Amino acid sequence: MLLNELATFVTSTLTQRNAKLVAYNGERWNGGFDLPFLRTRLCTHGLEWPFGTLPYVDVMDVFETRFNTSEDTLSGVYEELIGTGMNELDPFTDSSEAVTAWAEGAYEPLIIHNVADIRWTRALMELAEQYCSKSDFSMKSLDPIA
C-alpha cells in the first residue's frame, strides 16, 4: 500500500536527514489540503502518523506577511515572484480541478499536478529563505500529543 511506503520513506530517509516538511496552505486556509488528507487516509487505514519528528512550516504564511504579492495561490505567487518557468507543467488551471480528477480516477494528470505543486513549493521556500529571517518562519511540530 502506498501509505505504508510513504511512512517507510519518512522514517527511513527524511527523519535521518536535516529535513523539514514544507507546504503551501498545507492545513491553514480553509482547512488546507495536504495534512488533513494525510491524517484522514492514515487514520482510515489504521496507520501511525510518521511525521512526528519532522519540523513543519507552511510557507504561505511567509508570503502573506513578508511579500507584497497580488496573488495568494501557490501558482500565482510562484508566477508573480519567480516567473512562468514551471506553470506550463500543470495540466490544471485551478487546484479545484485536481479534486475532480481524483473523483473521476484521472490519476495521471493528478500526479503531474502534484509534481508541479511540489516544485513550486520548493522554489518558493528557497526564495523565502533568501529574503526572510529565520524568525519569519513559523516552524511547528507535527508530533502527536499521545
C-alpha atoms as a PDB file:
ATOM      1  CA  MET A   1       0.000   0.000   0.000  1.00  0.00           C
ATOM      2  CA  LEU A   2       1.244   3.458  -0.919  1.00  0.00           C
ATOM      3  CA  LEU A   3       0.664   4.850   2.586  1.00  0.00           C
ATOM      4  CA  ASN A   4       2.960   2.187   4.058  1.00  0.00           C
ATOM      5  CA  GLU A   5       5.636   3.179   1.545  1.00  0.00           C
ATOM      6  CA  LEU A   6       5.194   6.829   2.491  1.00  0.00           C
ATOM      7  CA  ALA A   7       5.620   6.020   6.185  1.00  0.00           C
ATOM      8  CA  THR A   8       8.708   3.909   5.451  1.00  0.00           C
ATOM      9  CA  PHE A   9      10.242   6.680   3.345  1.00  0.00           C
ATOM     10  CA  VAL A  10       9.588   9.299   6.034  1.00  0.00           C
ATOM     11  CA  THR A  11      11.035   7.215   8.870  1.00  0.00           C
ATOM     12  CA  SER A  12      13.962   5.698   6.967  1.00  0.00           C
ATOM     13  CA  THR A  13      15.002   8.682   4.878  1.00  0.00           C
ATOM     14  CA  LEU A  14      13.574  12.056   5.877  1.00  0.00           C
ATOM     15  CA  THR A  15      13.983  11.664   9.622  1.00  0.00           C
ATOM     16  CA  GLN A  16      17.618  10.625   9.069  1.00  0.00           C
ATOM     17  CA  ARG A  17      18.390  13.920   7.332  1.00  0.00           C
ATOM     18  CA  ASN A  18      18.171  17.503   8.432  1.00  0.00           C
ATOM     19  CA  ALA A  19      14.819  17.740   6.613  1.00  0.00           C
ATOM     20  CA  LYS A  20      11.710  19.764   7.200  1.00  0.00           C
ATOM     21  CA  LEU A  21       8.219  19.297   5.843  1.00  0.00           C
ATOM     22  CA  VAL A  22       7.185  22.339   3.804  1.00  0.00           C
ATOM     23  CA  ALA A  23       3.743  23.049   2.407  1.00  0.00           C
ATOM     24  CA  TYR A  24       1.876  25.917   0.843  1.00  0.00           C
ATOM     25  CA  ASN A  25      -1.523  26.017   2.530  1.00  0.00           C
ATOM     26  CA  GLY A  26      -0.880  22.550   3.890  1.00  0.00           C
ATOM     27  CA  GLU A  27      -3.521  22.938   6.580  1.00  0.00           C
ATOM     28  CA  ARG A  28      -4.118  26.618   7.157  1.00  0.00           C
ATOM     29  CA  TRP A  29      -6.519  28.476   4.891  1.00  0.00           C
ATOM     30  CA  ASN A  30      -9.972  26.895   4.628  1.00  0.00           C
ATOM     31  CA  GLY A  31      -8.639  23.737   6.258  1.00  0.00           C
ATOM     32  CA  GLY A  32      -5.843  23.343   3.743  1.00  0.00           C
ATOM     33  CA  PHE A  33      -5.354  20.079   1.981  1.00  0.00           C
ATOM     34  CA  ASP A  34      -2.106  18.170   2.411  1.00  0.00           C
ATOM     35  CA  LEU A  35      -2.004  17.374   6.113  1.00  0.00           C
ATOM     36  CA  PRO A  36      -5.771  16.876   6.580  1.00  0.00           C
ATOM     37  CA  PHE A  37      -5.735  14.488   3.619  1.00  0.00           C
ATOM     38  CA  LEU A  38      -2.793  12.520   5.032  1.00  0.00           C
ATOM     39  CA  ARG A  39      -4.275  12.436   8.539  1.00  0.00           C
ATOM     40  CA  THR A  40      -7.577  11.127   7.211  1.00  0.00           C
ATOM     41  CA  ARG A  41      -6.014   8.474   4.984  1.00  0.00           C
ATOM     42  CA  LEU A  42      -3.579   7.239   7.644  1.00  0.00           C
ATOM     43  CA  CYS A  43      -6.346   7.127  10.265  1.00  0.00           C
ATOM     44  CA  THR A  44      -8.783   5.358   7.923  1.00  0.00           C
ATOM     45  CA  HIS A  45      -6.201   2.643   7.289  1.00  0.00           C
ATOM     46  CA  GLY A  46      -5.113   2.376  10.927  1.00  0.00           C
ATOM     47  CA  LEU A  47      -1.569   3.556  10.223  1.00  0.00           C
ATOM     48  CA  GLU A  48       0.691   5.565  12.548  1.00  0.00           C
ATOM     49  CA  TRP A  49       1.432   9.234  11.901  1.00  0.00           C
ATOM     50  CA  PRO A  50       5.037   9.173  10.524  1.00  0.00           C
ATOM     51  CA  PHE A  51       5.765  12.929  10.553  1.00  0.00           C
ATOM     52  CA  GLY A  52       6.148  13.430  14.308  1.00  0.00           C
ATOM     53  CA  THR A  53       9.874  14.150  14.292  1.00  0.00           C
ATOM     54  CA  LEU A  54       9.903  16.486  11.293  1.00  0.00           C
ATOM     55  CA  PRO A  55       9.631  20.236  11.748  1.00  0.00           C
ATOM     56  CA  TYR A  56       6.852  21.695   9.610  1.00  0.00           C
ATOM     57  CA  VAL A  57       6.374  25.115   8.020  1.00  0.00           C
ATOM     58  CA  ASP A  58       3.531  26.424   5.909  1.00  0.00           C
ATOM     59  CA  VAL A  59       5.341  28.840   3.611  1.00  0.00           C
ATOM     60  CA  MET A  60       2.045  30.501   2.652  1.00  0.00           C
ATOM     61  CA  ASP A  61       2.302  32.440   5.931  1.00  0.00           C
ATOM     62  CA  VAL A  62       5.643  33.932   4.907  1.00  0.00           C
ATOM     63  CA  PHE A  63       4.385  35.079   1.530  1.00  0.00           C
ATOM     64  CA  GLU A  64       1.277  36.637   3.037  1.00  0.00           C
ATOM     65  CA  THR A  65       3.205  38.565   5.676  1.00  0.00           C
ATOM     66  CA  ARG A  66       6.654  39.274   4.202  1.00  0.00           C
ATOM     67  CA  PHE A  67       5.981  39.858   0.491  1.00  0.00           C
ATOM     68  CA  ASN A  68       3.588  42.214  -1.298  1.00  0.00           C
ATOM     69  CA  THR A  69       2.088  39.896  -3.868  1.00  0.00           C
ATOM     70  CA  SER A  70      -1.243  40.426  -5.560  1.00  0.00           C
ATOM     71  CA  GLU A  71      -1.827  36.671  -5.707  1.00  0.00           C
ATOM     72  CA  ASP A  72      -2.349  34.251  -2.832  1.00  0.00           C
ATOM     73  CA  THR A  73      -2.430  30.908  -4.646  1.00  0.00           C
ATOM     74  CA  LEU A  74       0.693  28.785  -4.913  1.00  0.00           C
ATOM     75  CA  SER A  75       0.878  29.028  -8.700  1.00  0.00           C
ATOM     76  CA  GLY A  76       0.000  32.739  -8.642  1.00  0.00           C
ATOM     77  CA  VAL A  77       2.680  33.641  -6.090  1.00  0.00           C
ATOM     78  CA  TYR A  78       5.195  31.491  -7.973  1.00  0.00           C
ATOM     79  CA  GLU A  79       4.367  33.200 -11.269  1.00  0.00           C
ATOM     80  CA  GLU A  80       4.473  36.676  -9.748  1.00  0.00           C
ATOM     81  CA  LEU A  81       7.810  36.267  -7.944  1.00  0.00           C
ATOM     82  CA  ILE A  82       9.704  33.701  -9.988  1.00  0.00           C
ATOM     83  CA  GLY A  83       8.079  33.566 -13.410  1.00  0.00           C
ATOM     84  CA  THR A  84       6.195  31.126 -15.531  1.00  0.00           C
ATOM     85  CA  GLY A  85       9.011  28.598 -15.859  1.00  0.00           C
ATOM     86  CA  MET A  86       7.051  25.701 -14.384  1.00  0.00           C
ATOM     87  CA  ASN A  87       3.437  26.812 -14.703  1.00  0.00           C
ATOM     88  CA  GLU A  88       3.017  25.125 -18.071  1.00  0.00           C
ATOM     89  CA  LEU A  89       3.730  21.777 -16.383  1.00  0.00           C
ATOM     90  CA  ASP A  90       0.412  21.801 -14.525  1.00  0.00           C
ATOM     91  CA  PRO A  91      -2.464  20.282 -16.533  1.00  0.00           C
ATOM     92  CA  PHE A  92      -4.997  22.196 -14.402  1.00  0.00           C
ATOM     93  CA  THR A  93      -5.727  25.907 -14.368  1.00  0.00           C
ATOM     94  CA  ASP A  94      -7.080  25.690 -10.805  1.00  0.00           C
ATOM     95  CA  SER A  95      -6.337  23.277  -7.953  1.00  0.00           C
ATOM     96  CA  SER A  96     -10.041  22.506  -7.615  1.00  0.00           C
ATOM     97  CA  GLU A  97      -9.718  20.597 -10.891  1.00  0.00           C
ATOM     98  CA  ALA A  98      -7.463  18.159  -9.039  1.00  0.00           C
ATOM     99  CA  VAL A  99     -10.376  17.217  -6.794  1.00  0.00           C
ATOM    100  CA  THR A 100     -12.492  16.435  -9.845  1.00  0.00           C
ATOM    101  CA  ALA A 101      -9.663  14.400 -11.374  1.00  0.00           C
ATOM    102  CA  TRP A 102      -9.339  12.401  -8.129  1.00  0.00           C
ATOM    103  CA  ALA A 103     -13.073  11.716  -8.042  1.00  0.00           C
ATOM    104  CA  GLU A 104     -13.026  10.597 -11.678  1.00  0.00           C
ATOM    105  CA  GLY A 105      -9.961   8.403 -11.227  1.00  0.00           C
ATOM    106  CA  ALA A 106      -7.854  10.514 -13.606  1.00  0.00           C
ATOM    107  CA  TYR A 107      -4.629   9.861 -11.733  1.00  0.00           C
ATOM    108  CA  GLU A 108      -2.012  10.732 -14.349  1.00  0.00           C
ATOM    109  CA  PRO A 109      -2.890  14.451 -14.614  1.00  0.00           C
ATOM    110  CA  LEU A 110      -3.324  14.487 -10.836  1.00  0.00           C
ATOM    111  CA  ILE A 111       0.219  13.185 -10.343  1.00  0.00           C
ATOM    112  CA  ILE A 112       1.579  15.742 -12.809  1.00  0.00           C
ATOM    113  CA  HIS A 113      -0.274  18.478 -10.906  1.00  0.00           C
ATOM    114  CA  ASN A 114       1.173  17.240  -7.599  1.00  0.00           C
ATOM    115  CA  VAL A 115       4.715  17.230  -9.012  1.00  0.00           C
ATOM    116  CA  ALA A 116       4.232  20.823 -10.218  1.00  0.00           C
ATOM    117  CA  ASP A 117       2.891  21.719  -6.753  1.00  0.00           C
ATOM    118  CA  ILE A 118       5.976  20.217  -5.102  1.00  0.00           C
ATOM    119  CA  ARG A 119       8.336  22.048  -7.445  1.00  0.00           C
ATOM    120  CA  TRP A 120       6.576  25.408  -6.921  1.00  0.00           C
ATOM    121  CA  THR A 121       6.596  24.943  -3.141  1.00  0.00           C
ATOM    122  CA  ARG A 122      10.284  24.068  -3.098  1.00  0.00           C
ATOM    123  CA  ALA A 123      11.196  27.036  -5.305  1.00  0.00           C
ATOM    124  CA  LEU A 124       9.164  29.431  -3.151  1.00  0.00           C
ATOM    125  CA  MET A 125      10.677  28.065   0.069  1.00  0.00           C
ATOM    126  CA  GLU A 126      14.167  28.564  -1.352  1.00  0.00           C
ATOM    127  CA  LEU A 127      13.224  32.113  -2.373  1.00  0.00           C
ATOM    128  CA  ALA A 128      11.777  32.889   1.060  1.00  0.00           C
ATOM    129  CA  GLU A 129      14.933  31.569   2.733  1.00  0.00           C
ATOM    130  CA  GLN A 130      16.962  34.057   0.661  1.00  0.00           C
ATOM    131  CA  TYR A 131      14.890  37.088   1.645  1.00  0.00           C
ATOM    132  CA  CYS A 132      13.428  36.352   5.077  1.00  0.00           C
ATOM    133  CA  SER A 133      14.903  35.790   8.506  1.00  0.00           C
ATOM    134  CA  LYS A 134      14.547  32.534  10.421  1.00  0.00           C
ATOM    135  CA  SER A 135      12.153  34.250  12.811  1.00  0.00           C
ATOM    136  CA  ASP A 136       9.747  34.905   9.901  1.00  0.00           C
ATOM    137  CA  PHE A 137       9.144  31.182   9.555  1.00  0.00           C
ATOM    138  CA  SER A 138       6.638  29.702  11.944  1.00  0.00           C
ATOM    139  CA  MET A 139       8.055  26.207  12.425  1.00  0.00           C
ATOM    140  CA  LYS A 140       5.788  23.808  14.179  1.00  0.00           C
ATOM    141  CA  SER A 141       5.965  20.285  15.474  1.00  0.00           C
ATOM    142  CA  LEU A 142       3.752  17.574  13.986  1.00  0.00           C
ATOM    143  CA  ASP A 143       4.366  15.277  16.947  1.00  0.00           C
ATOM    144  CA  PRO A 144       1.006  13.954  18.207  1.00  0.00           C
ATOM    145  CA  ILE A 145       0.114  14.531  21.851  1.00  0.00           C
ATOM    146  CA  ALA A 146      -0.442  10.869  22.675  1.00  0.00           C
END
